[in-house]
PDB file of N, CA and C in Angstrom:
ATOM      1  N   MET A   1      79.818  83.247 105.601  1.00  0.00           N
ATOM      2  CA  MET A   1      79.774  84.117 106.967  1.00  0.00           C
ATOM      3  C   MET A   1      78.054  84.439 106.310  1.00  0.00           C
ATOM      4  N   THR A   2      76.999  83.873 107.348  1.00  0.00           N
ATOM      5  CA  THR A   2      75.639  84.843 106.651  1.00  0.00           C
ATOM      6  C   THR A   2      75.187  85.529 107.198  1.00  0.00           C
ATOM      7  N   GLY A   3      74.646  86.420 106.422  1.00  0.00           N
ATOM      8  CA  GLY A   3      74.471  87.986 106.379  1.00  0.00           C
ATOM      9  C   GLY A   3      75.327  89.214 106.325  1.00  0.00           C
ATOM     10  N   TRP A   4      76.304  88.679 105.846  1.00  0.00           N
ATOM     11  CA  TRP A   4      77.108  89.641 105.329  1.00  0.00           C
ATOM     12  C   TRP A   4      77.671  89.456 103.841  1.00  0.00           C
ATOM     13  N   ASP A   5      77.488  90.250 103.346  1.00  0.00           N
ATOM     14  CA  ASP A   5      78.529  90.495 101.912  1.00  0.00           C
ATOM     15  C   ASP A   5      78.978  91.645 101.677  1.00  0.00           C
ATOM     16  N   ILE A   6      80.177  91.558 101.768  1.00  0.00           N
ATOM     17  CA  ILE A   6      81.212  92.846 101.597  1.00  0.00           C
ATOM     18  C   ILE A   6      81.871  92.802 100.648  1.00  0.00           C
ATOM     19  N   SER A   7      82.143  93.523  99.782  1.00  0.00           N
ATOM     20  CA  SER A   7      83.530  94.191  99.135  1.00  0.00           C
ATOM     21  C   SER A   7      84.530  94.649  99.672  1.00  0.00           C
ATOM     22  N   PRO A   8      85.175  94.286 100.346  1.00  0.00           N
ATOM     23  CA  PRO A   8      86.313  94.646 101.152  1.00  0.00           C
ATOM     24  C   PRO A   8      86.903  96.455 100.098  1.00  0.00           C
ATOM     25  N   SER A   9      87.270  95.814  98.952  1.00  0.00           N
ATOM     26  CA  SER A   9      87.895  96.768  97.977  1.00  0.00           C
ATOM     27  C   SER A   9      86.729  97.981  97.464  1.00  0.00           C
ATOM     28  N   GLY A  10      85.434  97.504  97.112  1.00  0.00           N
ATOM     29  CA  GLY A  10      84.299  98.408  97.273  1.00  0.00           C
ATOM     30  C   GLY A  10      84.701  99.413  98.628  1.00  0.00           C
ATOM     31  N   VAL A  11      84.471  98.990  99.735  1.00  0.00           N
ATOM     32  CA  VAL A  11      84.332  99.591 100.954  1.00  0.00           C
ATOM     33  C   VAL A  11      85.788 100.852 100.959  1.00  0.00           C
ATOM     34  N   GLU A  12      86.907 100.262 100.436  1.00  0.00           N
ATOM     35  CA  GLU A  12      87.634 101.135 100.557  1.00  0.00           C
ATOM     36  C   GLU A  12      87.645 102.121  99.414  1.00  0.00           C
ATOM     37  N   PHE A  13      87.139 101.655  97.841  1.00  0.00           N
ATOM     38  CA  PHE A  13      87.067 102.428  97.123  1.00  0.00           C
ATOM     39  C   PHE A  13      86.131 103.888  97.366  1.00  0.00           C
ATOM     40  N   VAL A  14      85.031 103.601  98.164  1.00  0.00           N
ATOM     41  CA  VAL A  14      84.057 104.748  98.593  1.00  0.00           C
ATOM     42  C   VAL A  14      84.578 105.303  99.388  1.00  0.00           C
ATOM     43  N   THR A  15      85.260 104.431 100.653  1.00  0.00           N
ATOM     44  CA  THR A  15      85.402 105.554 101.528  1.00  0.00           C
ATOM     45  C   THR A  15      86.421 106.633 101.631  1.00  0.00           C
ATOM     46  N   SER A  16      87.815 106.193 100.326  1.00  0.00           N
ATOM     47  CA  SER A  16      88.059 106.699  99.877  1.00  0.00           C
ATOM     48  C   SER A  16      87.731 108.367  99.109  1.00  0.00           C
ATOM     49  N   LEU A  17      86.638 107.866  98.242  1.00  0.00           N
ATOM     50  CA  LEU A  17      86.042 109.171  98.257  1.00  0.00           C
ATOM     51  C   LEU A  17      85.294 110.208  99.015  1.00  0.00           C
ATOM     52  N   VAL A  18      85.062 109.430  99.999  1.00  0.00           N
ATOM     53  CA  VAL A  18      84.688 110.039 101.111  1.00  0.00           C
ATOM     54  C   VAL A  18      85.290 111.114 101.475  1.00  0.00           C
ATOM     55  N   GLN A  19      86.810 110.384 102.218  1.00  0.00           N
ATOM     56  CA  GLN A  19      87.595 110.851 102.525  1.00  0.00           C
ATOM     57  C   GLN A  19      87.909 112.360 101.455  1.00  0.00           C
ATOM     58  N   ASP A  20      88.000 112.082 100.357  1.00  0.00           N
ATOM     59  CA  ASP A  20      88.392 112.935  99.488  1.00  0.00           C
ATOM     60  C   ASP A  20      86.949 114.148  99.511  1.00  0.00           C
ATOM     61  N   ALA A  21      86.126 114.020  99.599  1.00  0.00           N
ATOM     62  CA  ALA A  21      85.007 114.727  99.756  1.00  0.00           C
ATOM     63  C   ALA A  21      85.263 115.768 101.282  1.00  0.00           C
ATOM     64  N   MET A  22      85.518 114.836 102.418  1.00  0.00           N
ATOM     65  CA  MET A  22      86.105 115.166 103.347  1.00  0.00           C
ATOM     66  C   MET A  22      86.757 116.684 103.553  1.00  0.00           C
ATOM     67  N   ASP A  23      88.315 116.403 102.664  1.00  0.00           N
ATOM     68  CA  ASP A  23      88.944 116.980 102.595  1.00  0.00           C
ATOM     69  C   ASP A  23      88.730 118.271 102.063  1.00  0.00           C
ATOM     70  N   ASP A  24      88.205 118.369 100.847  1.00  0.00           N
ATOM     71  CA  ASP A  24      87.582 119.678 100.548  1.00  0.00           C
ATOM     72  C   ASP A  24      86.621 120.532 100.899  1.00  0.00           C
ATOM     73  N   VAL A  25      85.874 119.675 101.516  1.00  0.00           N
ATOM     74  CA  VAL A  25      84.715 120.427 103.185  1.00  0.00           C
ATOM     75  C   VAL A  25      85.213 120.766 103.968  1.00  0.00           C
ATOM     76  N   ALA A  26      86.293 120.323 104.588  1.00  0.00           N
ATOM     77  CA  ALA A  26      87.439 120.853 105.446  1.00  0.00           C
ATOM     78  C   ALA A  26      88.250 122.583 105.292  1.00  0.00           C
ATOM     79  N   LYS A  27      88.725 122.079 103.659  1.00  0.00           N
ATOM     80  CA  LYS A  27      89.275 123.580 102.471  1.00  0.00           C
ATOM     81  C   LYS A  27      88.149 124.547 103.048  1.00  0.00           C
ATOM     82  N   ASP A  28      86.393 124.289 102.205  1.00  0.00           N
ATOM     83  CA  ASP A  28      86.219 125.135 102.319  1.00  0.00           C
ATOM     84  C   ASP A  28      85.541 125.231 103.831  1.00  0.00           C
ATOM     85  N   VAL A  29      85.237 124.816 104.852  1.00  0.00           N
ATOM     86  CA  VAL A  29      85.300 125.340 105.901  1.00  0.00           C
ATOM     87  C   VAL A  29      86.342 126.711 106.859  1.00  0.00           C
ATOM     88  N   LYS A  30      87.156 126.128 106.520  1.00  0.00           N
ATOM     89  CA  LYS A  30      88.399 127.013 106.771  1.00  0.00           C
ATOM     90  C   LYS A  30      88.091 128.512 105.879  1.00  0.00           C
ATOM     91  N   ALA A  31      88.095 128.254 104.559  1.00  0.00           N
ATOM     92  CA  ALA A  31      88.046 129.564 103.972  1.00  0.00           C
ATOM     93  C   ALA A  31      86.464 130.119 104.150  1.00  0.00           C
ATOM     94  N   TYR A  32      85.633 129.185 104.937  1.00  0.00           N
ATOM     95  CA  TYR A  32      84.128 130.570 105.728  1.00  0.00           C
ATOM     96  C   TYR A  32      84.438 131.416 106.587  1.00  0.00           C
ATOM     97  N   GLY A  33      85.948 130.498 107.211  1.00  0.00           N
ATOM     98  CA  GLY A  33      85.494 130.742 108.550  1.00  0.00           C
ATOM     99  C   GLY A  33      86.623 132.445 108.364  1.00  0.00           C
ATOM    100  N   THR A  34      87.445 132.223 107.209  1.00  0.00           N
ATOM    101  CA  THR A  34      88.379 133.544 107.072  1.00  0.00           C
ATOM    102  C   THR A  34      87.460 134.699 105.943  1.00  0.00           C
ATOM    103  N   ASP A  35      86.382 134.108 105.648  1.00  0.00           N
ATOM    104  CA  ASP A  35      85.158 134.852 104.991  1.00  0.00           C
ATOM    105  C   ASP A  35      84.616 135.770 105.615  1.00  0.00           C
ATOM    106  N   VAL A  36      83.842 134.644 106.717  1.00  0.00           N
ATOM    107  CA  VAL A  36      83.302 135.751 107.506  1.00  0.00           C
ATOM    108  C   VAL A  36      83.546 136.389 108.727  1.00  0.00           C
ATOM    109  N   VAL A  37      84.726 136.550 108.888  1.00  0.00           N
ATOM    110  CA  VAL A  37      85.396 137.524 109.589  1.00  0.00           C
ATOM    111  C   VAL A  37      85.747 138.587 108.721  1.00  0.00           C
ATOM    112  N   SER A  38      86.211 138.311 107.451  1.00  0.00           N
ATOM    113  CA  SER A  38      86.354 139.373 106.498  1.00  0.00           C
ATOM    114  C   SER A  38      84.849 140.021 106.227  1.00  0.00           C
ATOM    115  N   ALA A  39      84.155 139.539 106.083  1.00  0.00           N
ATOM    116  CA  ALA A  39      82.879 140.229 105.628  1.00  0.00           C
ATOM    117  C   ALA A  39      82.342 141.293 106.942  1.00  0.00           C
ATOM    118  N   ALA A  40      82.585 140.270 108.208  1.00  0.00           N
ATOM    119  CA  ALA A  40      81.936 140.897 109.497  1.00  0.00           C
ATOM    120  C   ALA A  40      82.442 142.604 109.589  1.00  0.00           C
ATOM    121  N   ALA A  41      84.198 142.358 109.031  1.00  0.00           N
ATOM    122  CA  ALA A  41      84.837 143.738 109.338  1.00  0.00           C
ATOM    123  C   ALA A  41      84.673 144.652 108.125  1.00  0.00           C
ATOM    124  N   SER A  42      84.255 144.301 106.817  1.00  0.00           N
ATOM    125  CA  SER A  42      83.889 145.091 106.189  1.00  0.00           C
ATOM    126  C   SER A  42      82.166 144.975 105.568  1.00  0.00           C
ATOM    127  N   ALA A  43      81.452 144.836 106.807  1.00  0.00           N
ATOM    128  CA  ALA A  43      80.254 145.202 106.793  1.00  0.00           C
ATOM    129  C   ALA A  43      79.815 146.772 106.760  1.00  0.00           C
ATOM    130  N   GLY A  44      81.128 147.639 107.417  1.00  0.00           N
ATOM    131  CA  GLY A  44      81.057 148.649 107.608  1.00  0.00           C
ATOM    132  C   GLY A  44      79.990 148.988 108.943  1.00  0.00           C
ATOM    133  N   THR A  45      79.250 150.594 109.498  1.00  0.00           N
ATOM    134  CA  THR A  45      78.698 150.688 110.356  1.00  0.00           C
ATOM    135  C   THR A  45      78.221 151.936 110.404  1.00  0.00           C
ATOM    136  N   ILE A  46      76.883 151.802 110.902  1.00  0.00           N
ATOM    137  CA  ILE A  46      75.961 153.638 111.179  1.00  0.00           C
ATOM    138  C   ILE A  46      76.578 154.447 111.923  1.00  0.00           C
ATOM    139  N   SER A  47      78.020 154.460 112.557  1.00  0.00           N
ATOM    140  CA  SER A  47      78.547 155.129 113.313  1.00  0.00           C
ATOM    141  C   SER A  47      78.979 156.500 112.920  1.00  0.00           C
ATOM    142  N   GLY A  48      79.305 157.250 113.874  1.00  0.00           N
ATOM    143  CA  GLY A  48      79.842 158.432 113.038  1.00  0.00           C
ATOM    144  C   GLY A  48      81.391 158.593 112.942  1.00  0.00           C
ATOM    145  N   VAL A  49      82.214 159.470 113.308  1.00  0.00           N
ATOM    146  CA  VAL A  49      83.847 159.134 113.032  1.00  0.00           C
ATOM    147  C   VAL A  49      84.261 158.568 114.265  1.00  0.00           C
ATOM    148  N   TYR A  50      85.330 157.999 114.286  1.00  0.00           N
ATOM    149  CA  TYR A  50      85.571 157.181 115.222  1.00  0.00           C
ATOM    150  C   TYR A  50      87.284 157.309 115.027  1.00  0.00           C
ATOM    151  N   CYS A  51      88.128 156.982 116.714  1.00  0.00           N
ATOM    152  CA  CYS A  51      89.196 156.675 116.464  1.00  0.00           C
ATOM    153  C   CYS A  51      89.862 155.348 116.725  1.00  0.00           C
ATOM    154  N   GLY A  52      90.759 154.840 115.927  1.00  0.00           N
ATOM    155  CA  GLY A  52      91.242 153.717 116.109  1.00  0.00           C
ATOM    156  C   GLY A  52      90.473 152.527 115.372  1.00  0.00           C
ATOM    157  N   GLU A  53      90.201 151.303 116.277  1.00  0.00           N
ATOM    158  CA  GLU A  53      89.684 150.278 115.422  1.00  0.00           C
ATOM    159  C   GLU A  53      88.107 150.548 115.016  1.00  0.00           C
ATOM    160  N   ALA A  54      87.869 150.389 113.791  1.00  0.00           N
ATOM    161  CA  ALA A  54      85.835 150.596 113.896  1.00  0.00           C
ATOM    162  C   ALA A  54      85.371 149.589 114.852  1.00  0.00           C
ATOM    163  N   PRO A  55      84.140 150.064 115.235  1.00  0.00           N
ATOM    164  CA  PRO A  55      83.328 149.169 115.669  1.00  0.00           C
ATOM    165  C   PRO A  55      82.320 148.749 114.805  1.00  0.00           C
ATOM    166  N   THR A  56      81.942 147.545 115.136  1.00  0.00           N
ATOM    167  CA  THR A  56      81.477 146.819 114.668  1.00  0.00           C
ATOM    168  C   THR A  56      80.114 146.916 114.476  1.00  0.00           C
ATOM    169  N   GLY A  57      79.273 146.887 112.849  1.00  0.00           N
ATOM    170  CA  GLY A  57      77.984 147.273 113.082  1.00  0.00           C
ATOM    171  C   GLY A  57      76.889 146.195 112.680  1.00  0.00           C
ATOM    172  N   PRO A  58      76.070 146.441 112.772  1.00  0.00           N
ATOM    173  CA  PRO A  58      74.590 145.176 113.244  1.00  0.00           C
ATOM    174  C   PRO A  58      74.863 144.041 111.809  1.00  0.00           C
ATOM    175  N   VAL A  59      75.445 144.115 110.905  1.00  0.00           N
ATOM    176  CA  VAL A  59      75.482 143.570 109.920  1.00  0.00           C
ATOM    177  C   VAL A  59      76.730 142.423 110.362  1.00  0.00           C
ATOM    178  N   GLY A  60      78.364 143.248 110.881  1.00  0.00           N
ATOM    179  CA  GLY A  60      78.969 142.474 111.273  1.00  0.00           C
ATOM    180  C   GLY A  60      78.771 141.219 112.229  1.00  0.00           C
ATOM    181  N   ALA A  61      77.846 142.328 113.034  1.00  0.00           N
ATOM    182  CA  ALA A  61      77.591 141.036 114.397  1.00  0.00           C
ATOM    183  C   ALA A  61      76.464 140.095 114.319  1.00  0.00           C
ATOM    184  N   ALA A  62      75.954 140.119 113.130  1.00  0.00           N
ATOM    185  CA  ALA A  62      74.934 139.246 112.866  1.00  0.00           C
ATOM    186  C   ALA A  62      75.460 138.275 112.404  1.00  0.00           C
ATOM    187  N   LEU A  63      76.780 138.610 111.475  1.00  0.00           N
ATOM    188  CA  LEU A  63      77.366 137.122 110.819  1.00  0.00           C
ATOM    189  C   LEU A  63      78.037 136.763 111.950  1.00  0.00           C
ATOM    190  N   THR A  64      78.938 137.357 112.983  1.00  0.00           N
ATOM    191  CA  THR A  64      79.718 136.922 114.063  1.00  0.00           C
ATOM    192  C   THR A  64      78.986 135.682 114.786  1.00  0.00           C
ATOM    193  N   LEU A  65      77.968 136.230 114.899  1.00  0.00           N
ATOM    194  CA  LEU A  65      76.946 135.620 116.203  1.00  0.00           C
ATOM    195  C   LEU A  65      76.601 134.308 115.302  1.00  0.00           C
ATOM    196  N   PHE A  66      76.003 134.214 113.653  1.00  0.00           N
ATOM    197  CA  PHE A  66      75.450 132.900 113.063  1.00  0.00           C
ATOM    198  C   PHE A  66      76.960 132.226 113.113  1.00  0.00           C
ATOM    199  N   ALA A  67      78.196 132.469 112.724  1.00  0.00           N
ATOM    200  CA  ALA A  67      79.358 132.096 112.676  1.00  0.00           C
ATOM    201  C   ALA A  67      79.457 130.910 114.546  1.00  0.00           C
ATOM    202  N   GLU A  68      79.196 131.819 115.440  1.00  0.00           N
ATOM    203  CA  GLU A  68      79.546 130.845 116.234  1.00  0.00           C
ATOM    204  C   GLU A  68      78.366 130.079 116.825  1.00  0.00           C
ATOM    205  N   ARG A  69      77.070 130.335 116.384  1.00  0.00           N
ATOM    206  CA  ARG A  69      75.833 129.528 116.707  1.00  0.00           C
ATOM    207  C   ARG A  69      76.028 128.388 115.619  1.00  0.00           C
ATOM    208  N   THR A  70      76.722 128.424 114.409  1.00  0.00           N
ATOM    209  CA  THR A  70      76.655 127.293 113.864  1.00  0.00           C
ATOM    210  C   THR A  70      77.787 126.623 113.675  1.00  0.00           C
ATOM    211  N   ALA A  71      79.045 126.637 114.698  1.00  0.00           N
ATOM    212  CA  ALA A  71      80.307 126.756 114.576  1.00  0.00           C
ATOM    213  C   ALA A  71      79.948 124.751 114.898  1.00  0.00           C
ATOM    214  N   SER A  72      79.168 124.200 115.866  1.00  0.00           N
ATOM    215  CA  SER A  72      78.901 122.839 116.242  1.00  0.00           C
ATOM    216  C   SER A  72      78.515 122.173 115.642  1.00  0.00           C
ATOM    217  N   ASP A  73      77.528 122.799 114.515  1.00  0.00           N
ATOM    218  CA  ASP A  73      76.738 122.303 113.373  1.00  0.00           C
ATOM    219  C   ASP A  73      78.033 121.642 112.553  1.00  0.00           C
ATOM    220  N   VAL A  74      78.910 122.683 112.073  1.00  0.00           N
ATOM    221  CA  VAL A  74      79.572 122.387 110.982  1.00  0.00           C
ATOM    222  C   VAL A  74      81.028 121.408 110.992  1.00  0.00           C
ATOM    223  N   LEU A  75      81.071 121.071 112.530  1.00  0.00           N
ATOM    224  CA  LEU A  75      82.194 120.673 113.289  1.00  0.00           C
ATOM    225  C   LEU A  75      81.546 119.171 113.243  1.00  0.00           C
ATOM    226  N   PHE A  76      80.212 118.693 113.445  1.00  0.00           N
ATOM    227  CA  PHE A  76      79.727 117.726 113.823  1.00  0.00           C
ATOM    228  C   PHE A  76      79.842 116.767 112.469  1.00  0.00           C
ATOM    229  N   LEU A  77      79.646 117.592 111.411  1.00  0.00           N
ATOM    230  CA  LEU A  77      79.673 117.139 110.022  1.00  0.00           C
ATOM    231  C   LEU A  77      80.553 116.318 109.809  1.00  0.00           C
ATOM    232  N   GLY A  78      81.758 116.968 109.717  1.00  0.00           N
ATOM    233  CA  GLY A  78      83.236 116.360 109.689  1.00  0.00           C
ATOM    234  C   GLY A  78      83.322 115.291 110.859  1.00  0.00           C
ATOM    235  N   ALA A  79      82.820 115.524 112.411  1.00  0.00           N
ATOM    236  CA  ALA A  79      83.037 114.200 112.692  1.00  0.00           C
ATOM    237  C   ALA A  79      82.205 113.186 112.723  1.00  0.00           C
ATOM    238  N   ARG A  80      80.891 113.634 112.150  1.00  0.00           N
ATOM    239  CA  ARG A  80      80.164 112.298 111.697  1.00  0.00           C
ATOM    240  C   ARG A  80      80.697 111.573 110.784  1.00  0.00           C
ATOM    241  N   ALA A  81      81.194 111.970 109.208  1.00  0.00           N
ATOM    242  CA  ALA A  81      81.657 111.546 108.372  1.00  0.00           C
ATOM    243  C   ALA A  81      82.890 110.660 108.908  1.00  0.00           C
ATOM    244  N   ALA A  82      83.994 111.505 109.647  1.00  0.00           N
ATOM    245  CA  ALA A  82      85.153 110.784 109.835  1.00  0.00           C
ATOM    246  C   ALA A  82      84.566 109.494 110.639  1.00  0.00           C
ATOM    247  N   LYS A  83      83.826 109.771 111.394  1.00  0.00           N
ATOM    248  CA  LYS A  83      83.344 108.170 112.531  1.00  0.00           C
ATOM    249  C   LYS A  83      82.765 107.234 111.587  1.00  0.00           C
ATOM    250  N   SER A  84      82.350 107.866 110.453  1.00  0.00           N
ATOM    251  CA  SER A  84      81.246 106.768 109.897  1.00  0.00           C
ATOM    252  C   SER A  84      82.323 106.192 108.575  1.00  0.00           C
ATOM    253  N   VAL A  85      83.313 106.753 108.714  1.00  0.00           N
ATOM    254  CA  VAL A  85      84.672 106.259 107.475  1.00  0.00           C
ATOM    255  C   VAL A  85      85.735 105.192 107.910  1.00  0.00           C
ATOM    256  N   ASN A  86      85.860 105.813 109.505  1.00  0.00           N
ATOM    257  CA  ASN A  86      86.304 104.517 110.126  1.00  0.00           C
ATOM    258  C   ASN A  86      85.856 103.675 110.164  1.00  0.00           C
ATOM    259  N   GLY A  87      84.353 103.492 110.910  1.00  0.00           N
ATOM    260  CA  GLY A  87      83.580 102.730 111.416  1.00  0.00           C
ATOM    261  C   GLY A  87      83.517 101.433 110.446  1.00  0.00           C
ATOM    262  N   ALA A  88      83.435 102.189 108.978  1.00  0.00           N
ATOM    263  CA  ALA A  88      83.429 101.054 108.076  1.00  0.00           C
ATOM    264  C   ALA A  88      84.800 100.138 107.667  1.00  0.00           C
ATOM    265  N   LEU A  89      85.653 100.929 107.717  1.00  0.00           N
ATOM    266  CA  LEU A  89      86.840 100.223 107.580  1.00  0.00           C
ATOM    267  C   LEU A  89      87.182  99.284 108.383  1.00  0.00           C
ATOM    268  N   GLU A  90      87.122  99.808 109.993  1.00  0.00           N
ATOM    269  CA  GLU A  90      87.085  98.725 110.839  1.00  0.00           C
ATOM    270  C   GLU A  90      86.519  97.270 111.100  1.00  0.00           C
ATOM    271  N   ALA A  91      84.852  97.862 110.609  1.00  0.00           N
ATOM    272  CA  ALA A  91      84.093  96.615 110.756  1.00  0.00           C
ATOM    273  C   ALA A  91      84.590  95.967 109.311  1.00  0.00           C
ATOM    274  N   THR A  92      85.030  96.249 108.705  1.00  0.00           N
ATOM    275  CA  THR A  92      85.327  95.112 106.799  1.00  0.00           C
ATOM    276  C   THR A  92      86.743  95.240 107.524  1.00  0.00           C
ATOM    277  N   ALA A  93      87.403  95.682 108.266  1.00  0.00           N
ATOM    278  CA  ALA A  93      88.800  94.351 108.434  1.00  0.00           C
ATOM    279  C   ALA A  93      88.171  93.472 109.568  1.00  0.00           C
ATOM    280  N   TYR A  94      87.390  93.377 110.201  1.00  0.00           N
ATOM    281  CA  TYR A  94      86.915  92.320 111.253  1.00  0.00           C
ATOM    282  C   TYR A  94      86.339  91.328 110.479  1.00  0.00           C
ATOM    283  N   TYR A  95      85.991  91.949 109.265  1.00  0.00           N
ATOM    284  CA  TYR A  95      85.022  90.759 108.478  1.00  0.00           C
ATOM    285  C   TYR A  95      85.840  90.197 107.444  1.00  0.00           C
ATOM    286  N   VAL A  96      86.942  90.862 107.020  1.00  0.00           N
ATOM    287  CA  VAL A  96      88.093  90.038 106.498  1.00  0.00           C
ATOM    288  C   VAL A  96      88.487  88.941 107.392  1.00  0.00           C
ATOM    289  N   ILE A  97      89.095  88.920 108.496  1.00  0.00           N
ATOM    290  CA  ILE A  97      89.545  87.971 109.384  1.00  0.00           C
ATOM    291  C   ILE A  97      88.236  86.791 109.576  1.00  0.00           C
ATOM    292  N   GLY A  98      87.039  87.284 109.540  1.00  0.00           N
ATOM    293  CA  GLY A  98      86.079  86.490 110.110  1.00  0.00           C
ATOM    294  C   GLY A  98      85.271  86.557 111.052  1.00  0.00           C
ATOM    295  N   ASP A  99      85.610  87.953 111.885  1.00  0.00           N
ATOM    296  CA  ASP A  99      84.998  88.026 113.132  1.00  0.00           C
ATOM    297  C   ASP A  99      83.826  89.254 113.053  1.00  0.00           C
ATOM    298  N   GLU A 100      82.871  88.341 112.962  1.00  0.00           N
ATOM    299  CA  GLU A 100      81.760  88.650 112.141  1.00  0.00           C
ATOM    300  C   GLU A 100      81.053  89.481 113.393  1.00  0.00           C
ATOM    301  N   GLU A 101      81.096  88.562 114.478  1.00  0.00           N
ATOM    302  CA  GLU A 101      80.478  89.622 116.252  1.00  0.00           C
ATOM    303  C   GLU A 101      81.434  90.915 116.381  1.00  0.00           C
ATOM    304  N   MET A 102      82.231  91.115 116.062  1.00  0.00           N
ATOM    305  CA  MET A 102      83.226  92.261 116.155  1.00  0.00           C
ATOM    306  C   MET A 102      83.166  93.399 115.203  1.00  0.00           C
ATOM    307  N   ALA A 103      82.841  92.944 113.814  1.00  0.00           N
ATOM    308  CA  ALA A 103      82.220  93.544 112.792  1.00  0.00           C
ATOM    309  C   ALA A 103      80.650  94.044 113.220  1.00  0.00           C
ATOM    310  N   ALA A 104      79.975  93.373 113.594  1.00  0.00           N
ATOM    311  CA  ALA A 104      78.800  94.049 114.157  1.00  0.00           C
ATOM    312  C   ALA A 104      79.107  94.876 115.472  1.00  0.00           C
ATOM    313  N   LEU A 105      79.686  94.778 116.128  1.00  0.00           N
ATOM    314  CA  LEU A 105      79.795  96.220 117.344  1.00  0.00           C
ATOM    315  C   LEU A 105      80.395  97.119 116.818  1.00  0.00           C
ATOM    316  N   THR A 106      81.481  96.981 116.133  1.00  0.00           N
ATOM    317  CA  THR A 106      82.277  98.157 115.976  1.00  0.00           C
ATOM    318  C   THR A 106      81.331  98.709 114.252  1.00  0.00           C
ATOM    319  N   GLN A 107      80.032  98.247 113.500  1.00  0.00           N
ATOM    320  CA  GLN A 107      79.438  99.141 113.020  1.00  0.00           C
ATOM    321  C   GLN A 107      78.350  99.724 114.205  1.00  0.00           C
ATOM    322  N   ASP A 108      77.911  98.990 114.709  1.00  0.00           N
ATOM    323  CA  ASP A 108      77.234  99.498 115.716  1.00  0.00           C
ATOM    324  C   ASP A 108      77.050 100.575 116.310  1.00  0.00           C
ATOM    325  N   LYS A 109      78.927 100.977 117.019  1.00  0.00           N
ATOM    326  CA  LYS A 109      79.594 101.798 117.758  1.00  0.00           C
ATOM    327  C   LYS A 109      79.491 103.168 116.759  1.00  0.00           C
ATOM    328  N   ALA A 110      79.771 103.248 115.519  1.00  0.00           N
ATOM    329  CA  ALA A 110      80.050 103.819 114.128  1.00  0.00           C
ATOM    330  C   ALA A 110      78.755 104.375 114.216  1.00  0.00           C
ATOM    331  N   LEU A 111      77.765 103.967 114.241  1.00  0.00           N
ATOM    332  CA  LEU A 111      76.662 104.514 114.028  1.00  0.00           C
ATOM    333  C   LEU A 111      76.344 105.739 115.256  1.00  0.00           C
ATOM    334  N   ALA A 112      76.412 105.213 116.800  1.00  0.00           N
ATOM    335  CA  ALA A 112      76.707 106.743 117.471  1.00  0.00           C
ATOM    336  C   ALA A 112      76.935 107.945 117.234  1.00  0.00           C
ATOM    337  N   ALA A 113      76.435 109.171 117.629  1.00  0.00           N
ATOM    338  CA  ALA A 113      76.629 110.562 117.000  1.00  0.00           C
ATOM    339  C   ALA A 113      78.148 110.534 117.823  1.00  0.00           C
ATOM    340  N   PRO A 114      78.788 111.696 117.013  1.00  0.00           N
ATOM    341  CA  PRO A 114      79.969 111.537 117.713  1.00  0.00           C
ATOM    342  C   PRO A 114      80.165 112.916 118.544  1.00  0.00           C
ATOM    343  N   LYS A 115      80.790 112.925 119.541  1.00  0.00           N
ATOM    344  CA  LYS A 115      80.844 114.201 120.846  1.00  0.00           C
ATOM    345  C   LYS A 115      81.505 115.333 120.279  1.00  0.00           C
ATOM    346  N   ILE A 116      81.201 116.084 120.087  1.00  0.00           N
ATOM    347  CA  ILE A 116      81.655 117.210 119.433  1.00  0.00           C
ATOM    348  C   ILE A 116      82.621 118.242 120.641  1.00  0.00           C
ATOM    349  N   ASP A 117      83.538 118.679 120.907  1.00  0.00           N
ATOM    350  CA  ASP A 117      84.024 119.518 121.695  1.00  0.00           C
ATOM    351  C   ASP A 117      84.607 121.151 121.258  1.00  0.00           C
ATOM    352  N   LEU A 118      83.947 122.105 121.742  1.00  0.00           N
ATOM    353  CA  LEU A 118      84.305 123.207 120.841  1.00  0.00           C
ATOM    354  C   LEU A 118      85.326 123.911 121.997  1.00  0.00           C
ATOM    355  N   PRO A 119      86.381 124.570 120.833  1.00  0.00           N
ATOM    356  CA  PRO A 119      87.288 125.304 121.530  1.00  0.00           C
ATOM    357  C   PRO A 119      86.562 126.047 122.269  1.00  0.00           C
ATOM    358  N   GLY A 120      87.180 126.329 123.980  1.00  0.00           N
ATOM    359  CA  GLY A 120      86.597 127.524 124.795  1.00  0.00           C
ATOM    360  C   GLY A 120      85.497 126.776 125.399  1.00  0.00           C
ATOM    361  N   GLN A 121      84.750 125.464 125.482  1.00  0.00           N
ATOM    362  CA  GLN A 121      83.793 124.824 126.053  1.00  0.00           C
ATOM    363  C   GLN A 121      84.721 123.669 126.882  1.00  0.00           C
ATOM    364  N   GLY A 122      84.130 123.399 127.935  1.00  0.00           N
ATOM    365  CA  GLY A 122      84.645 122.236 128.517  1.00  0.00           C
ATOM    366  C   GLY A 122      84.084 120.961 127.794  1.00  0.00           C
ATOM    367  N   LYS A 123      85.117 119.703 128.143  1.00  0.00           N
ATOM    368  CA  LYS A 123      84.496 118.214 127.465  1.00  0.00           C
ATOM    369  C   LYS A 123      83.129 117.975 127.722  1.00  0.00           C
ATOM    370  N   GLY A 124      82.459 117.509 126.664  1.00  0.00           N
ATOM    371  CA  GLY A 124      80.660 117.310 126.312  1.00  0.00           C
ATOM    372  C   GLY A 124      80.297 118.011 126.488  1.00  0.00           C
ATOM    373  N   ASP A 125      80.554 119.486 126.477  1.00  0.00           N
ATOM    374  CA  ASP A 125      79.681 120.728 126.554  1.00  0.00           C
ATOM    375  C   ASP A 125      78.933 121.092 125.460  1.00  0.00           C
ATOM    376  N   GLY A 126      80.007 120.816 123.798  1.00  0.00           N
ATOM    377  CA  GLY A 126      79.613 120.474 122.861  1.00  0.00           C
ATOM    378  C   GLY A 126      78.800 119.416 121.913  1.00  0.00           C
ATOM    379  N   GLU A 127      78.820 118.387 122.911  1.00  0.00           N
ATOM    380  CA  GLU A 127      77.736 116.890 122.750  1.00  0.00           C
ATOM    381  C   GLU A 127      76.755 117.503 121.793  1.00  0.00           C
ATOM    382  N   LYS A 128      76.772 116.649 120.663  1.00  0.00           N
ATOM    383  CA  LYS A 128      75.561 116.615 119.845  1.00  0.00           C
ATOM    384  C   LYS A 128      74.613 115.289 120.178  1.00  0.00           C
TER     385      LYS A 128
END
């Protein structure tokens, strides 16, 4: 096959490293979400005496707003990595069976940005 020189075992090795890194990032993102909620609740407020649940102060509100506004970016990172890994593996599988055209098509499809749907939004609203 002219134009292609792929080492399937090399692709598998590299994609497995990326998948391991993606797992680590997923754990960090989950911890980040928990930590932001905790920090927002612990940031305190400048209000006086209150009954019941403490009101949210300006630091807590800012942390919450930051987390909400960056959620789509964080989700995009994981979706982009997953789409790239899956595309590389699928294109390599087509290469192995000798279907260079499908390998190229699969590679091209993997290059397109993934669509992100945030919880609470309609399909396509969180598109990047």
